[in-house]
C-alpha atoms as a PDB file:
ATOM      1  CA  MET A   1      13.045 124.642 -99.096  1.00  0.00           C
ATOM      2  CA  ASN A   2      15.845 122.603 -97.391  1.00  0.00           C
ATOM      3  CA  ASP A   3      19.190 124.408 -97.646  1.00  0.00           C
ATOM      4  CA  GLU A   4      22.224 122.354 -98.540  1.00  0.00           C
ATOM      5  CA  SER A   5      23.339 122.177 -94.854  1.00  0.00           C
ATOM      6  CA  GLY A   6      20.267 120.338 -93.868  1.00  0.00           C
ATOM      7  CA  THR A   7      19.814 122.534 -90.848  1.00  0.00           C
ATOM      8  CA  PRO A   8      16.318 123.952 -90.270  1.00  0.00           C
ATOM      9  CA  PRO A   9      15.987 127.647 -89.893  1.00  0.00           C
ATOM     10  CA  PRO A  10      15.837 129.351 -86.622  1.00  0.00           C
ATOM     11  CA  GLY A  11      12.324 128.865 -85.027  1.00  0.00           C
ATOM     12  CA  TYR A  12      11.540 125.866 -87.252  1.00  0.00           C
ATOM     13  CA  ARG A  13       8.891 123.446 -85.683  1.00  0.00           C
ATOM     14  CA  GLU A  14       8.333 119.811 -86.925  1.00  0.00           C
ATOM     15  CA  PRO A  15       4.958 119.204 -88.111  1.00  0.00           C
ATOM     16  CA  ALA A  16       2.422 117.302 -86.011  1.00  0.00           C
ATOM     17  CA  LEU A  17       0.853 114.326 -87.647  1.00  0.00           C
ATOM     18  CA  ALA A  18      -2.740 113.519 -88.087  1.00  0.00           C
ATOM     19  CA  TRP A  19      -4.169 110.309 -89.573  1.00  0.00           C
ATOM     20  CA  ALA A  20      -7.481 110.815 -91.315  1.00  0.00           C
ATOM     21  CA  VAL A  21      -9.743 107.942 -92.302  1.00  0.00           C
ATOM     22  CA  GLU A  22     -11.193 109.127 -95.737  1.00  0.00           C
ATOM     23  CA  TYR A  23     -13.574 107.619 -98.106  1.00  0.00           C
ATOM     24  CA  THR A  24     -15.367 108.424-101.470  1.00  0.00           C
ATOM     25  CA  ASP A  25     -19.171 108.249-101.814  1.00  0.00           C
ATOM     26  CA  GLU A  26     -20.532 107.175-105.250  1.00  0.00           C
ATOM     27  CA  ARG A  27     -23.472 109.588-104.617  1.00  0.00           C
ATOM     28  CA  ASP A  28     -21.060 112.539-104.974  1.00  0.00           C
ATOM     29  CA  PRO A  29     -18.559 111.451-107.613  1.00  0.00           C
ATOM     30  CA  GLY A  30     -15.050 112.913-107.356  1.00  0.00           C
ATOM     31  CA  SER A  31     -15.655 114.064-103.596  1.00  0.00           C
ATOM     32  CA  ARG A  32     -13.683 112.813-100.752  1.00  0.00           C
ATOM     33  CA  PHE A  33     -14.866 112.757 -97.139  1.00  0.00           C
ATOM     34  CA  GLN A  34     -13.426 112.287 -93.817  1.00  0.00           C
ATOM     35  CA  ALA A  35     -14.742 109.763 -91.402  1.00  0.00           C
ATOM     36  CA  GLY A  36     -12.462 111.002 -88.558  1.00  0.00           C
ATOM     37  CA  ALA A  37      -8.894 112.009 -87.751  1.00  0.00           C
ATOM     38  CA  PHE A  38      -6.583 110.724 -85.012  1.00  0.00           C
ATOM     39  CA  THR A  39      -3.281 111.645 -83.456  1.00  0.00           C
ATOM     40  CA  THR A  40      -2.194 108.012 -83.990  1.00  0.00           C
ATOM     41  CA  GLU A  41      -2.169 105.696 -86.926  1.00  0.00           C
ATOM     42  CA  ALA A  42      -3.354 102.856 -84.754  1.00  0.00           C
ATOM     43  CA  GLN A  43      -6.649 104.717 -83.775  1.00  0.00           C
ATOM     44  CA  ALA A  44      -7.208 105.545 -87.398  1.00  0.00           C
ATOM     45  CA  GLN A  45      -6.694 101.826 -88.359  1.00  0.00           C
ATOM     46  CA  LYS A  46      -9.129 100.871 -85.585  1.00  0.00           C
ATOM     47  CA  LEU A  47     -11.719 103.109 -87.144  1.00  0.00           C
ATOM     48  CA  LEU A  48     -11.058 101.983 -90.710  1.00  0.00           C
ATOM     49  CA  ASP A  49     -11.436  98.239 -89.571  1.00  0.00           C
ATOM     50  CA  GLN A  50     -14.889  98.947 -87.853  1.00  0.00           C
ATOM     51  CA  LEU A  51     -16.100 100.711 -90.879  1.00  0.00           C
ATOM     52  CA  VAL A  52     -15.009  97.898 -93.210  1.00  0.00           C
ATOM     53  CA  ALA A  53     -16.626  95.348 -90.950  1.00  0.00           C
ATOM     54  CA  SER A  54     -19.872  97.381 -90.985  1.00  0.00           C
ATOM     55  CA  GLY A  55     -20.020  97.333 -94.665  1.00  0.00           C
ATOM     56  CA  ARG A  56     -20.872 101.018 -94.672  1.00  0.00           C
ATOM     57  CA  HIS A  57     -18.098 102.144 -97.127  1.00  0.00           C
ATOM     58  CA  GLU A  58     -16.365 100.431 -99.797  1.00  0.00           C
ATOM     59  CA  ASP A  59     -13.536 102.657-100.805  1.00  0.00           C
ATOM     60  CA  LEU A  60     -11.641 103.639 -97.476  1.00  0.00           C
ATOM     61  CA  TRP A  61      -8.023 104.681 -96.823  1.00  0.00           C
ATOM     62  CA  ILE A  62      -5.940 106.367 -94.269  1.00  0.00           C
ATOM     63  CA  ASN A  63      -4.283 109.599 -95.192  1.00  0.00           C
ATOM     64  CA  MET A  64      -1.189 110.922 -93.095  1.00  0.00           C
ATOM     65  CA  ILE A  65      -1.476 114.715 -92.883  1.00  0.00           C
ATOM     66  CA  PRO A  66       1.504 116.704 -91.657  1.00  0.00           C
ATOM     67  CA  VAL A  67       0.314 119.771 -89.771  1.00  0.00           C
ATOM     68  CA  HIS A  68       2.729 122.781 -89.902  1.00  0.00           C
ATOM     69  CA  GLU A  69       2.449 125.866 -87.678  1.00  0.00           C
ATOM     70  CA  THR A  70       3.731 128.244 -90.230  1.00  0.00           C
ATOM     71  CA  VAL A  71       4.019 128.443 -93.991  1.00  0.00           C
ATOM     72  CA  GLU A  72       7.854 128.888 -93.413  1.00  0.00           C
ATOM     73  CA  ASP A  73       7.996 125.566 -91.742  1.00  0.00           C
ATOM     74  CA  TRP A  74       6.187 123.938 -94.609  1.00  0.00           C
ATOM     75  CA  GLU A  75       8.425 125.643 -97.230  1.00  0.00           C
ATOM     76  CA  TRP A  76      11.465 124.231 -95.350  1.00  0.00           C
ATOM     77  CA  ASP A  77      10.010 120.837 -95.524  1.00  0.00           C
ATOM     78  CA  ARG A  78       9.664 120.996 -99.262  1.00  0.00           C
END
């Protein structure tokens, strides 16, 4: 929960980012799976492109995931 000053609380740490290549599988409706996760969007895109080219998956996307160290850091980012 950001305060009005916009200043993070003492000890706040910015979240790291993970880029996950995700997909659905029609054999398990409603479920989502991760093919892999990376520290850069470029590497996630590279895997997505390879999977699309192989024709193995139809419904693919990249999900950016902020990774917080503490709940307090997460709360401040809300």
